[in-house]
PDB file of N, CA and C in Angstrom:
ATOM      1  N   MET A   1     123.189  58.680  97.513  1.00  0.00           N
ATOM      2  CA  MET A   1     123.405  60.163  98.360  1.00  0.00           C
ATOM      3  C   MET A   1     123.162  59.969  99.700  1.00  0.00           C
ATOM      4  N   PHE A   2     123.984  60.345 100.290  1.00  0.00           N
ATOM      5  CA  PHE A   2     124.378  60.301 102.286  1.00  0.00           C
ATOM      6  C   PHE A   2     123.964  61.633 102.640  1.00  0.00           C
ATOM      7  N   TRP A   3     123.251  61.836 103.374  1.00  0.00           N
ATOM      8  CA  TRP A   3     122.816  63.115 103.970  1.00  0.00           C
ATOM      9  C   TRP A   3     123.222  62.847 105.468  1.00  0.00           C
ATOM     10  N   THR A   4     123.517  63.917 106.056  1.00  0.00           N
ATOM     11  CA  THR A   4     123.522  64.188 107.777  1.00  0.00           C
ATOM     12  C   THR A   4     123.399  65.278 107.837  1.00  0.00           C
ATOM     13  N   PRO A   5     122.845  65.402 108.960  1.00  0.00           N
ATOM     14  CA  PRO A   5     122.657  66.951 109.691  1.00  0.00           C
ATOM     15  C   PRO A   5     123.839  68.174 109.405  1.00  0.00           C
ATOM     16  N   GLU A   6     125.172  67.321 110.017  1.00  0.00           N
ATOM     17  CA  GLU A   6     126.074  68.303 109.636  1.00  0.00           C
ATOM     18  C   GLU A   6     126.146  68.780 108.165  1.00  0.00           C
ATOM     19  N   LEU A   7     126.231  67.673 107.064  1.00  0.00           N
ATOM     20  CA  LEU A   7     126.664  68.229 105.986  1.00  0.00           C
ATOM     21  C   LEU A   7     125.077  68.971 105.120  1.00  0.00           C
ATOM     22  N   ALA A   8     124.216  68.921 105.938  1.00  0.00           N
ATOM     23  CA  ALA A   8     123.165  69.477 105.184  1.00  0.00           C
ATOM     24  C   ALA A   8     123.088  70.865 105.748  1.00  0.00           C
ATOM     25  N   GLN A   9     123.413  70.938 107.190  1.00  0.00           N
ATOM     26  CA  GLN A   9     123.721  72.547 107.311  1.00  0.00           C
ATOM     27  C   GLN A   9     124.866  73.349 106.777  1.00  0.00           C
ATOM     28  N   TYR A  10     125.622  72.674 106.163  1.00  0.00           N
ATOM     29  CA  TYR A  10     126.538  73.647 104.929  1.00  0.00           C
ATOM     30  C   TYR A  10     125.609  74.442 103.778  1.00  0.00           C
ATOM     31  N   LEU A  11     124.624  74.078 103.524  1.00  0.00           N
ATOM     32  CA  LEU A  11     123.481  74.522 102.759  1.00  0.00           C
ATOM     33  C   LEU A  11     122.341  75.471 103.213  1.00  0.00           C
ATOM     34  N   GLU A  12     122.468  75.317 104.311  1.00  0.00           N
ATOM     35  CA  GLU A  12     120.839  76.482 105.334  1.00  0.00           C
ATOM     36  C   GLU A  12     121.232  77.850 104.543  1.00  0.00           C
ATOM     37  N   ASP A  13     122.766  78.200 104.661  1.00  0.00           N
ATOM     38  CA  ASP A  13     122.648  79.383 103.786  1.00  0.00           C
ATOM     39  C   ASP A  13     122.363  79.556 102.434  1.00  0.00           C
ATOM     40  N   ALA A  14     122.667  78.303 101.747  1.00  0.00           N
ATOM     41  CA  ALA A  14     122.555  78.626 100.206  1.00  0.00           C
ATOM     42  C   ALA A  14     121.614  80.122  99.857  1.00  0.00           C
ATOM     43  N   PRO A  15     121.279  79.926  98.372  1.00  0.00           N
ATOM     44  CA  PRO A  15     120.750  80.946  97.917  1.00  0.00           C
ATOM     45  C   PRO A  15     119.478  80.573  97.558  1.00  0.00           C
ATOM     46  N   TRP A  16     118.729  79.852  98.087  1.00  0.00           N
ATOM     47  CA  TRP A  16     117.099  79.209  97.983  1.00  0.00           C
ATOM     48  C   TRP A  16     116.445  80.332  97.282  1.00  0.00           C
ATOM     49  N   PRO A  17     115.464  79.692  96.508  1.00  0.00           N
ATOM     50  CA  PRO A  17     115.442  78.759  95.686  1.00  0.00           C
ATOM     51  C   PRO A  17     116.716  78.646  94.982  1.00  0.00           C
ATOM     52  N   ALA A  18     117.245  77.677  94.484  1.00  0.00           N
ATOM     53  CA  ALA A  18     118.528  77.331  93.461  1.00  0.00           C
ATOM     54  C   ALA A  18     118.443  76.129  92.594  1.00  0.00           C
ATOM     55  N   THR A  19     118.478  76.381  91.579  1.00  0.00           N
ATOM     56  CA  THR A  19     119.242  74.565  90.427  1.00  0.00           C
ATOM     57  C   THR A  19     120.286  74.461  90.961  1.00  0.00           C
ATOM     58  N   LYS A  20     120.454  73.128  90.436  1.00  0.00           N
ATOM     59  CA  LYS A  20     121.917  71.835  91.029  1.00  0.00           C
ATOM     60  C   LYS A  20     122.754  73.111  90.522  1.00  0.00           C
ATOM     61  N   GLU A  21     122.897  73.830  89.466  1.00  0.00           N
ATOM     62  CA  GLU A  21     124.364  74.233  89.004  1.00  0.00           C
ATOM     63  C   GLU A  21     124.173  75.531  89.958  1.00  0.00           C
ATOM     64  N   GLU A  22     123.615  76.570  90.480  1.00  0.00           N
ATOM     65  CA  GLU A  22     123.810  77.348  91.630  1.00  0.00           C
ATOM     66  C   GLU A  22     124.178  76.475  92.924  1.00  0.00           C
ATOM     67  N   LEU A  23     123.878  75.512  93.157  1.00  0.00           N
ATOM     68  CA  LEU A  23     124.219  74.790  94.603  1.00  0.00           C
ATOM     69  C   LEU A  23     125.502  74.271  94.752  1.00  0.00           C
ATOM     70  N   LEU A  24     125.715  74.114  93.186  1.00  0.00           N
ATOM     71  CA  LEU A  24     127.009  73.358  92.853  1.00  0.00           C
ATOM     72  C   LEU A  24     128.406  74.734  93.231  1.00  0.00           C
ATOM     73  N   ASP A  25     128.103  75.657  92.535  1.00  0.00           N
ATOM     74  CA  ASP A  25     128.765  76.832  92.818  1.00  0.00           C
ATOM     75  C   ASP A  25     129.045  77.643  94.071  1.00  0.00           C
ATOM     76  N   TYR A  26     127.430  77.912  94.451  1.00  0.00           N
ATOM     77  CA  TYR A  26     127.800  78.274  96.202  1.00  0.00           C
ATOM     78  C   TYR A  26     128.733  76.865  97.045  1.00  0.00           C
ATOM     79  N   ALA A  27     128.593  75.810  96.950  1.00  0.00           N
ATOM     80  CA  ALA A  27     129.551  74.593  97.526  1.00  0.00           C
ATOM     81  C   ALA A  27     131.131  74.819  97.545  1.00  0.00           C
ATOM     82  N   ASN A  28     131.111  74.994  96.236  1.00  0.00           N
ATOM     83  CA  ASN A  28     132.349  75.087  95.874  1.00  0.00           C
ATOM     84  C   ASN A  28     132.966  76.291  96.436  1.00  0.00           C
ATOM     85  N   ARG A  29     131.945  77.875  96.137  1.00  0.00           N
ATOM     86  CA  ARG A  29     132.549  78.821  96.690  1.00  0.00           C
ATOM     87  C   ARG A  29     133.068  78.898  98.282  1.00  0.00           C
ATOM     88  N   THR A  30     132.241  78.327  98.699  1.00  0.00           N
ATOM     89  CA  THR A  30     132.011  78.079 100.424  1.00  0.00           C
ATOM     90  C   THR A  30     132.956  77.485 101.038  1.00  0.00           C
ATOM     91  N   GLY A  31     133.279  76.002 100.194  1.00  0.00           N
ATOM     92  CA  GLY A  31     134.458  75.165 100.516  1.00  0.00           C
ATOM     93  C   GLY A  31     133.367  74.257 101.419  1.00  0.00           C
ATOM     94  N   CYS A  32     132.105  73.392 100.862  1.00  0.00           N
ATOM     95  CA  CYS A  32     131.345  72.756 101.591  1.00  0.00           C
ATOM     96  C   CYS A  32     132.833  71.387 101.174  1.00  0.00           C
ATOM     97  N   PRO A  33     132.180  70.153 102.236  1.00  0.00           N
ATOM     98  CA  PRO A  33     132.857  69.347 102.297  1.00  0.00           C
ATOM     99  C   PRO A  33     132.638  68.319 100.731  1.00  0.00           C
ATOM    100  N   GLN A  34     133.646  67.593 100.637  1.00  0.00           N
ATOM    101  CA  GLN A  34     133.372  67.162  98.809  1.00  0.00           C
ATOM    102  C   GLN A  34     132.125  66.053  99.192  1.00  0.00           C
ATOM    103  N   GLN A  35     132.154  65.598 100.356  1.00  0.00           N
ATOM    104  CA  GLN A  35     130.868  64.531 100.526  1.00  0.00           C
ATOM    105  C   GLN A  35     129.196  65.763 100.007  1.00  0.00           C
ATOM    106  N   VAL A  36     129.276  66.827 100.392  1.00  0.00           N
ATOM    107  CA  VAL A  36     128.342  67.254  99.991  1.00  0.00           C
ATOM    108  C   VAL A  36     128.351  67.792  98.558  1.00  0.00           C
ATOM    109  N   ILE A  37     129.534  68.331  97.651  1.00  0.00           N
ATOM    110  CA  ILE A  37     129.483  68.495  96.227  1.00  0.00           C
ATOM    111  C   ILE A  37     129.193  67.529  95.602  1.00  0.00           C
ATOM    112  N   ASP A  38     129.441  66.038  96.026  1.00  0.00           N
ATOM    113  CA  ASP A  38     128.878  64.740  95.307  1.00  0.00           C
ATOM    114  C   ASP A  38     127.573  64.308  95.665  1.00  0.00           C
ATOM    115  N   ASN A  39     126.951  64.503  96.923  1.00  0.00           N
ATOM    116  CA  ASN A  39     125.506  64.819  96.537  1.00  0.00           C
ATOM    117  C   ASN A  39     124.564  65.746  95.808  1.00  0.00           C
ATOM    118  N   ILE A  40     124.974  66.350  95.998  1.00  0.00           N
ATOM    119  CA  ILE A  40     124.535  67.594  94.905  1.00  0.00           C
ATOM    120  C   ILE A  40     124.721  67.201  92.931  1.00  0.00           C
ATOM    121  N   MET A  41     125.745  66.884  93.003  1.00  0.00           N
ATOM    122  CA  MET A  41     126.006  66.148  91.340  1.00  0.00           C
ATOM    123  C   MET A  41     125.632  64.884  91.304  1.00  0.00           C
ATOM    124  N   GLU A  42     124.747  63.934  92.335  1.00  0.00           N
ATOM    125  CA  GLU A  42     123.980  62.952  91.744  1.00  0.00           C
ATOM    126  C   GLU A  42     122.804  63.268  91.662  1.00  0.00           C
ATOM    127  N   LEU A  43     122.389  64.482  91.984  1.00  0.00           N
ATOM    128  CA  LEU A  43     120.921  65.067  91.674  1.00  0.00           C
ATOM    129  C   LEU A  43     120.988  65.116  90.053  1.00  0.00           C
ATOM    130  N   GLU A  44     119.372  64.941  89.435  1.00  0.00           N
ATOM    131  CA  GLU A  44     119.584  64.810  88.045  1.00  0.00           C
ATOM    132  C   GLU A  44     119.737  66.440  87.349  1.00  0.00           C
ATOM    133  N   ASP A  45     119.837  66.282  86.452  1.00  0.00           N
ATOM    134  CA  ASP A  45     120.594  67.451  85.485  1.00  0.00           C
ATOM    135  C   ASP A  45     118.917  67.749  85.351  1.00  0.00           C
ATOM    136  N   SER A  46     118.852  69.346  85.821  1.00  0.00           N
ATOM    137  CA  SER A  46     117.288  69.997  85.265  1.00  0.00           C
ATOM    138  C   SER A  46     117.904  71.491  85.677  1.00  0.00           C
ATOM    139  N   ASP A  47     116.966  72.162  85.197  1.00  0.00           N
ATOM    140  CA  ASP A  47     117.053  73.457  85.091  1.00  0.00           C
ATOM    141  C   ASP A  47     115.613  73.941  86.353  1.00  0.00           C
ATOM    142  N   GLU A  48     115.270  72.817  86.726  1.00  0.00           N
ATOM    143  CA  GLU A  48     113.864  73.219  88.272  1.00  0.00           C
ATOM    144  C   GLU A  48     114.723  73.727  89.041  1.00  0.00           C
ATOM    145  N   TYR A  49     113.721  74.740  90.041  1.00  0.00           N
ATOM    146  CA  TYR A  49     114.350  75.145  91.099  1.00  0.00           C
ATOM    147  C   TYR A  49     114.220  74.235  92.384  1.00  0.00           C
ATOM    148  N   LEU A  50     114.955  74.090  93.108  1.00  0.00           N
ATOM    149  CA  LEU A  50     115.107  73.274  94.152  1.00  0.00           C
ATOM    150  C   LEU A  50     114.629  74.603  95.540  1.00  0.00           C
ATOM    151  N   GLU A  51     113.743  74.230  96.312  1.00  0.00           N
ATOM    152  CA  GLU A  51     113.241  75.613  96.944  1.00  0.00           C
ATOM    153  C   GLU A  51     113.809  75.522  98.569  1.00  0.00           C
ATOM    154  N   SER A  52     114.225  74.440  99.101  1.00  0.00           N
ATOM    155  CA  SER A  52     115.128  74.325 100.075  1.00  0.00           C
ATOM    156  C   SER A  52     115.803  73.223 100.205  1.00  0.00           C
ATOM    157  N   ILE A  53     116.493  72.835 101.261  1.00  0.00           N
ATOM    158  CA  ILE A  53     117.139  71.643 101.737  1.00  0.00           C
ATOM    159  C   ILE A  53     116.549  70.269 101.775  1.00  0.00           C
ATOM    160  N   GLU A  54     114.896  70.869 102.246  1.00  0.00           N
ATOM    161  CA  GLU A  54     114.148  69.918 102.423  1.00  0.00           C
ATOM    162  C   GLU A  54     113.861  69.208 101.132  1.00  0.00           C
ATOM    163  N   ASP A  55     113.820  69.948  99.442  1.00  0.00           N
ATOM    164  CA  ASP A  55     114.059  69.182  98.767  1.00  0.00           C
ATOM    165  C   ASP A  55     114.909  68.275  98.055  1.00  0.00           C
ATOM    166  N   LEU A  56     115.998  68.252  98.691  1.00  0.00           N
ATOM    167  CA  LEU A  56     117.369  67.471  98.678  1.00  0.00           C
ATOM    168  C   LEU A  56     116.773  66.312  99.787  1.00  0.00           C
ATOM    169  N   TRP A  57     116.904  66.583 100.685  1.00  0.00           N
ATOM    170  CA  TRP A  57     116.726  65.813 101.641  1.00  0.00           C
ATOM    171  C   TRP A  57     115.290  65.960 102.842  1.00  0.00           C
ATOM    172  N   PRO A  58     114.538  65.006 102.080  1.00  0.00           N
ATOM    173  CA  PRO A  58     112.840  65.765 102.982  1.00  0.00           C
ATOM    174  C   PRO A  58     112.980  65.523 104.460  1.00  0.00           C
ATOM    175  N   GLU A  59     113.728  64.133 104.991  1.00  0.00           N
ATOM    176  CA  GLU A  59     113.697  63.972 106.336  1.00  0.00           C
ATOM    177  C   GLU A  59     114.331  64.817 107.169  1.00  0.00           C
ATOM    178  N   TYR A  60     115.163  66.069 106.358  1.00  0.00           N
ATOM    179  CA  TYR A  60     115.787  66.900 107.029  1.00  0.00           C
ATOM    180  C   TYR A  60     115.565  67.699 108.430  1.00  0.00           C
ATOM    181  N   GLU A  61     113.691  68.384 108.441  1.00  0.00           N
ATOM    182  CA  GLU A  61     113.519  69.156 109.181  1.00  0.00           C
ATOM    183  C   GLU A  61     113.221  67.927 110.552  1.00  0.00           C
ATOM    184  N   ASP A  62     112.448  66.643 110.357  1.00  0.00           N
ATOM    185  CA  ASP A  62     112.222  65.812 111.367  1.00  0.00           C
ATOM    186  C   ASP A  62     113.624  65.605 111.872  1.00  0.00           C
ATOM    187  N   VAL A  63     114.593  65.694 111.543  1.00  0.00           N
ATOM    188  CA  VAL A  63     115.739  64.859 112.267  1.00  0.00           C
ATOM    189  C   VAL A  63     116.325  66.355 113.109  1.00  0.00           C
ATOM    190  N   MET A  64     116.134  67.565 112.709  1.00  0.00           N
ATOM    191  CA  MET A  64     116.701  68.480 113.054  1.00  0.00           C
ATOM    192  C   MET A  64     115.703  68.887 114.014  1.00  0.00           C
ATOM    193  N   GLY A  65     114.764  68.611 113.716  1.00  0.00           N
ATOM    194  CA  GLY A  65     113.919  68.940 114.859  1.00  0.00           C
ATOM    195  C   GLY A  65     113.772  68.255 116.521  1.00  0.00           C
ATOM    196  N   GLU A  66     114.442  67.283 115.961  1.00  0.00           N
ATOM    197  CA  GLU A  66     115.074  65.907 117.209  1.00  0.00           C
ATOM    198  C   GLU A  66     115.968  66.504 118.158  1.00  0.00           C
ATOM    199  N   GLU A  67     116.034  66.873 119.346  1.00  0.00           N
ATOM    200  CA  GLU A  67     117.773  67.228 120.520  1.00  0.00           C
ATOM    201  C   GLU A  67     118.758  66.701 118.958  1.00  0.00           C
ATOM    202  N   TYR A  68     118.945  66.438 118.290  1.00  0.00           N
ATOM    203  CA  TYR A  68     120.247  65.771 117.077  1.00  0.00           C
ATOM    204  C   TYR A  68     121.514  66.271 118.133  1.00  0.00           C
ATOM    205  N   PHE A  69     121.880  67.715 118.137  1.00  0.00           N
ATOM    206  CA  PHE A  69     123.262  67.858 118.724  1.00  0.00           C
ATOM    207  C   PHE A  69     123.303  67.940 120.577  1.00  0.00           C
ATOM    208  N   TYR A  70     124.491  67.868 120.678  1.00  0.00           N
ATOM    209  CA  TYR A  70     124.390  68.181 122.024  1.00  0.00           C
ATOM    210  C   TYR A  70     124.571  69.507 122.099  1.00  0.00           C
ATOM    211  N   ASN A  71     123.699  69.768 123.717  1.00  0.00           N
ATOM    212  CA  ASN A  71     123.309  70.913 123.986  1.00  0.00           C
ATOM    213  C   ASN A  71     123.943  71.015 125.265  1.00  0.00           C
ATOM    214  N   ASP A  72     125.483  71.589 125.634  1.00  0.00           N
ATOM    215  CA  ASP A  72     125.793  71.570 127.041  1.00  0.00           C
ATOM    216  C   ASP A  72     125.181  72.658 128.033  1.00  0.00           C
ATOM    217  N   ASP A  73     124.518  73.293 127.400  1.00  0.00           N
ATOM    218  CA  ASP A  73     123.909  74.334 128.667  1.00  0.00           C
ATOM    219  C   ASP A  73     122.874  73.522 129.256  1.00  0.00           C
ATOM    220  N   GLU A  74     122.470  72.485 129.019  1.00  0.00           N
ATOM    221  CA  GLU A  74     121.397  71.521 129.614  1.00  0.00           C
ATOM    222  C   GLU A  74     122.587  70.644 131.248  1.00  0.00           C
ATOM    223  N   GLU A  75     123.821  70.735 130.187  1.00  0.00           N
ATOM    224  CA  GLU A  75     124.186  69.773 131.397  1.00  0.00           C
ATOM    225  C   GLU A  75     124.720  70.154 132.878  1.00  0.00           C
ATOM    226  N   GLU A  76     124.654  69.562 133.947  1.00  0.00           N
ATOM    227  CA  GLU A  76     124.800  70.609 135.431  1.00  0.00           C
ATOM    228  C   GLU A  76     125.764  70.628 135.355  1.00  0.00           C
ATOM    229  N   GLN A  77     126.609  71.531 135.734  1.00  0.00           N
ATOM    230  CA  GLN A  77     127.920  71.867 136.124  1.00  0.00           C
ATOM    231  C   GLN A  77     128.204  71.435 137.724  1.00  0.00           C
ATOM    232  N   TYR A  78     129.373  71.046 138.502  1.00  0.00           N
ATOM    233  CA  TYR A  78     129.610  70.868 139.293  1.00  0.00           C
ATOM    234  C   TYR A  78     131.611  71.223 139.807  1.00  0.00           C
ATOM    235  N   TYR A  79     131.112  72.102 140.466  1.00  0.00           N
ATOM    236  CA  TYR A  79     132.352  72.872 141.236  1.00  0.00           C
ATOM    237  C   TYR A  79     133.040  72.670 142.276  1.00  0.00           C
TER     238      TYR A  79
END
């Protein structure tokens, strides 16, 4: 299973808590990239509910807490 912040963001609006099957349905309906679908399919088959993306990728909050994405508002503008 391979997660990146960009891939994980596709599941931020998923109907949490959700089962593996519900996440697969959501990913297919919303047009998630194949890597997201593959990651979900690698989960164990279970009727247990996943509470959030952190259940799939525990480091998600740590990675997103860092300034991972470029913020062009902080860039000085010279004209």
